[in-house]
Amino acid sequence: MPETSTPEPAAAGAGAPLRLAVIIGSTRQGRFGPTVANWFAGRAAAREDLDVDLIDLAEAPLPALGHGPGSVRAGAQIAPRLAAADAFVVVTPEYNHSFPAPLKNAIDAHNQEWHAKPVGFVSYGGISGGLRAVEQLRPVFAELHAVTVRATVSFSNPWDRFADDGRPLRPEDCEGPAKYLLDQITWWAIALRNARAAHPYAS
């Protein structure tokens, strides 16, 4: 299983595995997100070049945020894990053509943790497969100085696509897209990690 412990930020060497934070963006009761996220995190963890941290926002709830010290304290629970990451993959459903409010809350509770790092998306939903939520997330992360990768893994009607044990019923439909996304995000993660090490990012 991908680890879920809180990592200590460390200065990674050029050849060190990349730390990938996979974020479960839905917190609703009865959500399908953990099934999709656990599958994808397992695919990522199978790679030697990735160290995976699975972050479930339902286990790190944030109150409604404003500005000031309270907002800083609210985000402190997952802030070290986000700061330690070299890259992120957000697993999101689509609610009414958009993404969940708790996900936006978690994004807004942090700032520099996202800077100059790549973000990928795994989405799920009805016939659209959650892609409208993804397109709304891209400008949000752009505002936070993050780079979103083009490749996306999406599942339309995912409830019919996974077995009870969490495995895809047709792995040939999703294993290729997952590898493509992971290949893209690791390329960007290496490039941006090296750039941050050579020149501190000016935000």
Protein backbone atom coordinates (compact mmCIF):
# COMPACT_ATOMS: atom_id res chain seq x y z
CA MET A 1 0.00 0.00 0.00
CA PRO A 2 1.26 3.54 -0.64
CA GLU A 3 2.46 5.20 2.51
CA THR A 4 0.31 7.71 4.31
CA SER A 5 2.70 8.84 7.04
CA THR A 6 3.79 12.44 7.28
CA PRO A 7 7.21 12.78 5.63
CA GLU A 8 9.97 15.09 6.66
CA PRO A 9 10.95 17.51 3.89
CA ALA A 10 14.44 16.73 2.69
CA ALA A 11 16.85 17.97 0.09
CA ALA A 12 16.69 15.26 -2.56
CA GLY A 13 19.64 14.48 -4.74
CA ALA A 14 19.42 14.45 -8.51
CA GLY A 15 18.99 10.66 -8.60
CA ALA A 16 16.68 10.33 -5.60
CA PRO A 17 13.14 9.04 -6.18
CA LEU A 18 10.57 11.75 -6.77
CA ARG A 19 7.98 12.22 -4.07
CA LEU A 20 4.49 12.08 -5.58
CA ALA A 21 1.53 13.20 -3.48
CA VAL A 22 -1.73 11.62 -4.65
CA ILE A 23 -4.62 13.66 -3.24
CA ILE A 24 -8.13 12.28 -2.79
CA GLY A 25 -10.25 15.36 -3.46
CA SER A 26 -13.71 14.13 -2.40
CA THR A 27 -14.77 13.88 1.24
CA ARG A 28 -18.44 12.95 0.77
CA GLN A 29 -19.92 9.95 2.52
CA GLY A 30 -20.12 7.03 0.08
CA ARG A 31 -17.51 8.61 -2.23
CA PHE A 32 -15.83 6.54 -4.92
CA GLY A 33 -12.58 8.51 -4.80
CA PRO A 34 -10.57 6.09 -2.62
CA THR A 35 -11.16 3.25 -5.08
CA VAL A 36 -9.79 5.29 -7.98
CA ALA A 37 -7.00 6.82 -5.91
CA ASN A 38 -5.79 3.53 -4.45
CA TRP A 39 -5.62 2.01 -7.91
CA PHE A 40 -3.64 4.93 -9.32
CA ALA A 41 -1.36 5.22 -6.29
CA GLY A 42 -0.59 1.52 -6.64
CA ARG A 43 0.43 2.01 -10.25
CA ALA A 44 2.67 4.92 -9.25
CA ALA A 45 4.19 3.05 -6.30
CA ALA A 46 5.22 0.21 -8.63
CA ARG A 47 7.71 2.57 -10.28
CA GLU A 48 11.25 2.75 -8.90
CA ASP A 49 11.48 6.48 -9.64
CA LEU A 50 8.51 7.44 -7.44
CA ASP A 51 7.88 7.53 -3.70
CA VAL A 52 4.11 7.85 -3.18
CA ASP A 53 2.27 9.63 -0.37
CA LEU A 54 -1.51 9.13 -0.48
CA ILE A 55 -3.28 12.13 1.09
CA ASP A 56 -6.98 11.72 1.91
CA LEU A 57 -8.63 15.08 2.57
CA ALA A 58 -11.36 13.30 4.55
CA GLU A 59 -8.70 12.42 7.12
CA ALA A 60 -7.35 15.98 7.27
CA PRO A 61 -10.50 18.14 7.27
CA LEU A 62 -10.19 21.90 6.99
CA PRO A 63 -12.74 24.41 8.30
CA ALA A 64 -14.08 27.15 6.07
CA LEU A 65 -11.09 29.39 5.54
CA GLY A 66 -10.63 33.13 5.69
CA HIS A 67 -7.39 35.02 6.12
CA GLY A 68 -5.03 35.29 9.03
CA PRO A 69 -3.51 32.95 11.64
CA GLY A 70 -6.53 30.64 11.77
CA SER A 71 -6.16 29.84 8.10
CA VAL A 72 -2.49 29.03 8.55
CA ARG A 73 -3.22 26.65 11.43
CA ALA A 74 -6.01 24.97 9.46
CA GLY A 75 -3.66 23.96 6.68
CA ALA A 76 -0.81 22.88 8.93
CA GLN A 77 -1.91 19.24 9.12
CA ILE A 78 -1.03 18.39 5.53
CA ALA A 79 1.30 21.30 4.75
CA PRO A 80 4.53 19.34 5.49
CA ARG A 81 3.44 16.54 3.19
CA LEU A 82 2.63 18.94 0.37
CA ALA A 83 5.90 20.80 0.89
CA ALA A 84 7.84 17.53 0.70
CA ALA A 85 6.26 16.56 -2.63
CA ASP A 86 7.99 17.02 -5.96
CA ALA A 87 4.72 16.51 -7.84
CA PHE A 88 1.00 16.07 -7.26
CA VAL A 89 -1.81 14.04 -8.78
CA VAL A 90 -5.29 15.19 -7.78
CA VAL A 91 -8.05 12.56 -7.89
CA THR A 92 -11.30 14.47 -8.35
CA PRO A 93 -14.94 13.80 -9.13
CA GLU A 94 -17.11 16.22 -11.04
CA TYR A 95 -19.93 17.86 -9.08
CA ASN A 96 -22.23 20.07 -11.18
CA HIS A 97 -19.55 20.73 -13.83
CA SER A 98 -16.94 21.55 -11.20
CA PHE A 99 -14.75 20.08 -8.46
CA PRO A 100 -15.49 19.55 -4.73
CA ALA A 101 -15.47 22.47 -2.31
CA PRO A 102 -13.20 20.67 0.22
CA LEU A 103 -10.60 20.28 -2.53
CA LYS A 104 -10.68 24.02 -3.26
CA ASN A 105 -10.46 24.64 0.47
CA ALA A 106 -7.33 22.49 0.74
CA ILE A 107 -5.75 24.17 -2.29
CA ASP A 108 -6.46 27.65 -0.93
CA ALA A 109 -5.13 26.78 2.55
CA HIS A 110 -1.64 26.44 1.05
CA ASN A 111 0.47 28.53 -1.25
CA GLN A 112 4.20 28.02 -1.60
CA GLU A 113 3.77 24.26 -1.24
CA TRP A 114 2.46 24.23 -4.83
CA HIS A 115 5.01 26.59 -6.37
CA ALA A 116 7.06 25.41 -9.37
CA LYS A 117 5.80 21.83 -9.15
CA PRO A 118 3.78 19.75 -11.65
CA VAL A 119 0.19 18.72 -11.08
CA GLY A 120 -1.64 15.90 -12.86
CA PHE A 121 -5.27 14.83 -12.67
CA VAL A 122 -7.23 11.59 -12.40
CA SER A 123 -10.93 12.33 -12.75
CA TYR A 124 -14.18 10.43 -12.61
CA GLY A 125 -17.87 11.17 -13.01
CA GLY A 126 -20.79 10.61 -15.34
CA ILE A 127 -20.52 10.65 -19.09
CA SER A 128 -17.88 13.41 -19.02
CA GLY A 129 -15.53 11.37 -16.83
CA GLY A 130 -14.90 14.39 -14.62
CA LEU A 131 -13.00 16.30 -17.29
CA ARG A 132 -14.96 19.53 -16.73
CA ALA A 133 -13.72 19.54 -13.13
CA VAL A 134 -10.16 19.12 -14.40
CA GLU A 135 -10.44 22.06 -16.78
CA GLN A 136 -11.61 24.28 -13.92
CA LEU A 137 -8.70 23.15 -11.73
CA ARG A 138 -6.04 24.10 -14.28
CA PRO A 139 -6.38 27.90 -13.89
CA VAL A 140 -6.57 27.51 -10.11
CA PHE A 141 -3.19 25.81 -10.03
CA ALA A 142 -1.76 28.24 -12.57
CA GLU A 143 -2.51 31.04 -10.11
CA LEU A 144 -0.48 29.10 -7.54
CA HIS A 145 2.58 28.93 -9.83
CA ALA A 146 2.11 25.22 -10.52
CA VAL A 147 2.43 23.51 -13.90
CA THR A 148 -0.42 21.21 -14.93
CA VAL A 149 0.44 18.38 -17.31
CA ARG A 150 -1.65 17.71 -20.37
CA ALA A 151 -2.20 13.97 -19.87
CA THR A 152 -5.24 13.04 -17.79
CA VAL A 153 -6.74 9.73 -16.69
CA SER A 154 -10.53 9.87 -16.62
CA PHE A 155 -13.29 7.38 -15.85
CA SER A 156 -16.85 7.84 -17.06
CA ASN A 157 -19.34 5.96 -14.89
CA PRO A 158 -16.51 4.49 -12.79
CA TRP A 159 -18.90 2.49 -10.62
CA ASP A 160 -19.24 0.10 -13.55
CA ARG A 161 -15.51 -0.05 -14.27
CA PHE A 162 -14.04 -1.41 -11.03
CA ALA A 163 -14.49 -4.77 -9.34
CA ASP A 164 -15.37 -5.08 -5.66
CA ASP A 165 -11.68 -5.53 -4.82
CA GLY A 166 -10.83 -2.16 -6.39
CA ARG A 167 -9.25 -3.51 -9.56
CA PRO A 168 -10.28 -2.16 -12.98
CA LEU A 169 -12.47 -4.59 -14.89
CA ARG A 170 -10.71 -3.61 -18.13
CA PRO A 171 -7.13 -2.71 -17.16
CA GLU A 172 -6.20 -2.37 -20.82
CA ASP A 173 -8.38 0.76 -20.95
CA CYS A 174 -6.61 2.59 -18.14
CA GLU A 175 -3.11 1.18 -17.64
CA GLY A 176 -1.78 2.96 -20.74
CA PRO A 177 -3.20 6.38 -19.84
CA ALA A 178 -1.90 6.00 -16.27
CA LYS A 179 1.62 5.27 -17.52
CA TYR A 180 1.44 8.21 -19.93
CA LEU A 181 0.40 10.57 -17.12
CA LEU A 182 3.12 9.26 -14.82
CA ASP A 183 5.75 9.58 -17.56
CA GLN A 184 4.76 13.20 -18.17
CA ILE A 185 4.63 14.20 -14.55
CA THR A 186 7.98 12.60 -13.71
CA TRP A 187 9.61 14.46 -16.63
CA TRP A 188 8.29 17.77 -15.31
CA ALA A 189 9.08 16.86 -11.71
CA ILE A 190 12.72 16.17 -12.54
CA ALA A 191 13.05 19.33 -14.60
CA LEU A 192 11.43 21.53 -11.97
CA ARG A 193 13.26 19.92 -9.05
CA ASN A 194 16.57 20.59 -10.77
CA ALA A 195 15.50 24.15 -11.58
CA ARG A 196 14.46 24.85 -7.98
CA ALA A 197 17.80 23.51 -6.75
CA ALA A 198 19.76 25.66 -9.19
CA HIS A 199 17.68 28.83 -8.85
CA PRO A 200 15.17 29.51 -6.05
CA TYR A 201 11.77 30.17 -7.59
CA ALA A 202 10.72 33.84 -7.65
CA SER A 203 7.05 33.98 -6.72
